[in-house]
Amino acid sequence: MLRGVRPLNMEGVEHMKKFVLDYAADVMERIAGNTLMKEEHKAEKFRNVARALSLYNREIITTDETIKAILEA
């Protein structure tokens, strides 16, 4: 085991899941409140965030990849 590196426990995993869900909710709220964006662009961004969360929930992508996908949505 590497010195100074602790294995991630289940409490840490649950904390990261909550963080990702809260971050996604915040991004979707900001998209919905954006009055300058066209509705078709909003719908596309909502789909991208939902797709990233779906892949994350099925454990196909990691937390880092999920946050990056939401950020780029």
N, C-alpha and C. Protein backbone atom coordinates (compact mmCIF):
# COMPACT_ATOMS: atom_id res chain seq x y z
N MET A 1 0.85 -1.19 0.00
CA MET A 1 0.00 0.00 0.00
C MET A 1 0.89 1.25 0.00
N LEU A 2 0.48 2.24 -0.75
CA LEU A 2 1.25 3.47 -0.83
C LEU A 2 1.16 4.24 0.49
N ARG A 3 2.26 4.81 0.87
CA ARG A 3 2.29 5.58 2.11
C ARG A 3 1.45 6.85 1.94
N GLY A 4 0.58 7.09 2.90
CA GLY A 4 -0.25 8.29 2.89
C GLY A 4 -1.52 8.18 2.06
N VAL A 5 -1.74 7.05 1.39
CA VAL A 5 -2.93 6.87 0.57
C VAL A 5 -3.87 5.92 1.31
N ARG A 6 -5.04 6.41 1.62
CA ARG A 6 -6.01 5.56 2.32
C ARG A 6 -6.99 4.97 1.32
N PRO A 7 -7.40 3.74 1.54
CA PRO A 7 -8.43 3.17 0.67
C PRO A 7 -9.76 3.90 0.90
N LEU A 8 -10.54 4.01 -0.15
CA LEU A 8 -11.82 4.69 -0.05
C LEU A 8 -12.82 3.78 0.64
N ASN A 9 -13.43 4.26 1.70
CA ASN A 9 -14.43 3.46 2.39
C ASN A 9 -15.82 3.78 1.86
N MET A 10 -16.81 3.05 2.29
CA MET A 10 -18.17 3.23 1.77
C MET A 10 -18.73 4.60 2.11
N GLU A 11 -18.30 5.17 3.23
CA GLU A 11 -18.77 6.51 3.59
C GLU A 11 -18.29 7.52 2.55
N GLY A 12 -17.06 7.37 2.10
CA GLY A 12 -16.52 8.26 1.07
C GLY A 12 -17.23 8.10 -0.26
N VAL A 13 -17.57 6.86 -0.59
CA VAL A 13 -18.29 6.60 -1.84
C VAL A 13 -19.66 7.28 -1.82
N GLU A 14 -20.37 7.14 -0.71
CA GLU A 14 -21.69 7.77 -0.60
C GLU A 14 -21.59 9.29 -0.65
N HIS A 15 -20.53 9.83 -0.06
CA HIS A 15 -20.32 11.29 -0.09
C HIS A 15 -20.11 11.76 -1.53
N MET A 16 -19.33 11.03 -2.31
CA MET A 16 -19.08 11.41 -3.70
C MET A 16 -20.34 11.29 -4.55
N LYS A 17 -21.14 10.25 -4.31
CA LYS A 17 -22.40 10.11 -5.05
C LYS A 17 -23.31 11.29 -4.78
N LYS A 18 -23.41 11.71 -3.51
CA LYS A 18 -24.24 12.85 -3.15
C LYS A 18 -23.71 14.12 -3.82
N PHE A 19 -22.38 14.28 -3.83
CA PHE A 19 -21.78 15.45 -4.45
C PHE A 19 -22.12 15.51 -5.94
N VAL A 20 -21.99 14.39 -6.63
CA VAL A 20 -22.26 14.35 -8.07
C VAL A 20 -23.73 14.68 -8.34
N LEU A 21 -24.63 14.11 -7.57
CA LEU A 21 -26.06 14.38 -7.77
C LEU A 21 -26.39 15.84 -7.48
N ASP A 22 -25.81 16.40 -6.43
CA ASP A 22 -26.04 17.82 -6.12
C ASP A 22 -25.48 18.72 -7.21
N TYR A 23 -24.31 18.38 -7.72
CA TYR A 23 -23.70 19.16 -8.78
C TYR A 23 -24.56 19.12 -10.05
N ALA A 24 -25.04 17.93 -10.40
CA ALA A 24 -25.89 17.79 -11.59
C ALA A 24 -27.18 18.59 -11.42
N ALA A 25 -27.77 18.54 -10.22
CA ALA A 25 -29.00 19.29 -9.97
C ALA A 25 -28.75 20.79 -10.10
N ASP A 26 -27.60 21.26 -9.61
CA ASP A 26 -27.27 22.67 -9.71
C ASP A 26 -27.08 23.10 -11.16
N VAL A 27 -26.39 22.27 -11.94
CA VAL A 27 -26.16 22.59 -13.36
C VAL A 27 -27.50 22.63 -14.10
N MET A 28 -28.36 21.68 -13.84
CA MET A 28 -29.67 21.65 -14.52
C MET A 28 -30.52 22.86 -14.12
N GLU A 29 -30.41 23.27 -12.88
CA GLU A 29 -31.15 24.45 -12.42
C GLU A 29 -30.64 25.71 -13.12
N ARG A 30 -29.32 25.82 -13.27
CA ARG A 30 -28.75 26.97 -13.97
C ARG A 30 -29.13 26.98 -15.44
N ILE A 31 -29.17 25.80 -16.06
CA ILE A 31 -29.57 25.72 -17.47
C ILE A 31 -31.03 26.14 -17.62
N ALA A 32 -31.88 25.64 -16.73
CA ALA A 32 -33.31 25.97 -16.81
C ALA A 32 -33.55 27.46 -16.59
N GLY A 33 -32.73 28.10 -15.77
CA GLY A 33 -32.90 29.52 -15.48
C GLY A 33 -32.25 30.45 -16.50
N ASN A 34 -31.56 29.90 -17.47
CA ASN A 34 -30.88 30.71 -18.47
C ASN A 34 -31.89 31.17 -19.51
N THR A 35 -32.21 32.46 -19.50
CA THR A 35 -33.23 32.99 -20.41
C THR A 35 -32.66 33.29 -21.80
N LEU A 36 -31.34 33.31 -21.94
CA LEU A 36 -30.74 33.62 -23.23
C LEU A 36 -30.58 32.40 -24.12
N MET A 37 -30.71 31.22 -23.53
CA MET A 37 -30.48 29.98 -24.28
C MET A 37 -31.77 29.51 -24.95
N LYS A 38 -31.67 29.04 -26.18
CA LYS A 38 -32.83 28.51 -26.89
C LYS A 38 -33.28 27.20 -26.26
N GLU A 39 -34.56 26.91 -26.39
CA GLU A 39 -35.14 25.72 -25.78
C GLU A 39 -34.53 24.42 -26.32
N GLU A 40 -34.21 24.39 -27.61
CA GLU A 40 -33.63 23.17 -28.16
C GLU A 40 -32.22 22.92 -27.60
N HIS A 41 -31.48 23.99 -27.31
CA HIS A 41 -30.16 23.84 -26.71
C HIS A 41 -30.29 23.39 -25.25
N LYS A 42 -31.29 23.93 -24.57
CA LYS A 42 -31.55 23.51 -23.19
C LYS A 42 -31.87 22.01 -23.14
N ALA A 43 -32.72 21.58 -24.05
CA ALA A 43 -33.11 20.16 -24.08
C ALA A 43 -31.90 19.27 -24.33
N GLU A 44 -31.01 19.70 -25.23
CA GLU A 44 -29.81 18.92 -25.52
C GLU A 44 -28.91 18.83 -24.29
N LYS A 45 -28.76 19.93 -23.58
CA LYS A 45 -27.91 19.93 -22.39
C LYS A 45 -28.53 19.07 -21.28
N PHE A 46 -29.87 19.13 -21.13
CA PHE A 46 -30.54 18.26 -20.15
C PHE A 46 -30.31 16.79 -20.48
N ARG A 47 -30.39 16.44 -21.76
CA ARG A 47 -30.15 15.05 -22.18
C ARG A 47 -28.72 14.62 -21.87
N ASN A 48 -27.76 15.51 -22.11
CA ASN A 48 -26.36 15.19 -21.85
C ASN A 48 -26.11 14.95 -20.37
N VAL A 49 -26.69 15.78 -19.51
CA VAL A 49 -26.52 15.61 -18.06
C VAL A 49 -27.21 14.32 -17.62
N ALA A 50 -28.41 14.08 -18.12
CA ALA A 50 -29.13 12.85 -17.76
C ALA A 50 -28.38 11.61 -18.22
N ARG A 51 -27.78 11.67 -19.40
CA ARG A 51 -27.00 10.53 -19.91
C ARG A 51 -25.79 10.27 -19.02
N ALA A 52 -25.10 11.33 -18.62
CA ALA A 52 -23.93 11.18 -17.75
C ALA A 52 -24.34 10.56 -16.41
N LEU A 53 -25.46 11.01 -15.85
CA LEU A 53 -25.92 10.45 -14.57
C LEU A 53 -26.34 9.00 -14.72
N SER A 54 -26.95 8.68 -15.84
CA SER A 54 -27.36 7.30 -16.09
C SER A 54 -26.15 6.37 -16.16
N LEU A 55 -25.12 6.79 -16.89
CA LEU A 55 -23.90 5.99 -16.98
C LEU A 55 -23.22 5.87 -15.62
N TYR A 56 -23.25 6.94 -14.85
CA TYR A 56 -22.64 6.93 -13.51
C TYR A 56 -23.38 5.97 -12.58
N ASN A 57 -24.70 6.03 -12.62
CA ASN A 57 -25.50 5.16 -11.75
C ASN A 57 -25.33 3.69 -12.10
N ARG A 58 -25.06 3.41 -13.37
CA ARG A 58 -24.82 2.02 -13.79
C ARG A 58 -23.35 1.63 -13.64
N GLU A 59 -22.55 2.55 -13.07
CA GLU A 59 -21.13 2.35 -12.80
C GLU A 59 -20.32 2.04 -14.07
N ILE A 60 -20.71 2.67 -15.17
CA ILE A 60 -19.99 2.53 -16.42
C ILE A 60 -18.87 3.58 -16.51
N ILE A 61 -19.10 4.76 -15.93
CA ILE A 61 -18.08 5.79 -15.90
C ILE A 61 -17.79 6.18 -14.45
N THR A 62 -16.61 6.75 -14.24
CA THR A 62 -16.18 7.11 -12.89
C THR A 62 -16.75 8.47 -12.48
N THR A 63 -16.51 8.81 -11.23
CA THR A 63 -16.95 10.11 -10.72
C THR A 63 -16.31 11.25 -11.50
N ASP A 64 -15.01 11.15 -11.75
CA ASP A 64 -14.31 12.20 -12.51
C ASP A 64 -14.88 12.36 -13.91
N GLU A 65 -15.14 11.25 -14.57
CA GLU A 65 -15.70 11.29 -15.92
C GLU A 65 -17.11 11.87 -15.92
N THR A 66 -17.86 11.58 -14.88
CA THR A 66 -19.22 12.13 -14.76
C THR A 66 -19.18 13.63 -14.61
N ILE A 67 -18.34 14.12 -13.71
CA ILE A 67 -18.23 15.56 -13.50
C ILE A 67 -17.77 16.26 -14.78
N LYS A 68 -16.81 15.67 -15.48
CA LYS A 68 -16.33 16.24 -16.74
C LYS A 68 -17.45 16.28 -17.79
N ALA A 69 -18.23 15.20 -17.89
CA ALA A 69 -19.33 15.15 -18.86
C ALA A 69 -20.39 16.20 -18.53
N ILE A 70 -20.68 16.38 -17.24
CA ILE A 70 -21.67 17.40 -16.84
C ILE A 70 -21.13 18.79 -17.13
N LEU A 71 -19.85 18.99 -16.85
CA LEU A 71 -19.23 20.30 -17.10
C LEU A 71 -19.25 20.65 -18.58
N GLU A 72 -19.05 19.65 -19.43
CA GLU A 72 -19.03 19.89 -20.87
C GLU A 72 -20.42 19.88 -21.50
N ALA A 73 -21.44 19.58 -20.73
CA ALA A 73 -22.80 19.54 -21.25
C ALA A 73 -23.22 20.89 -21.61
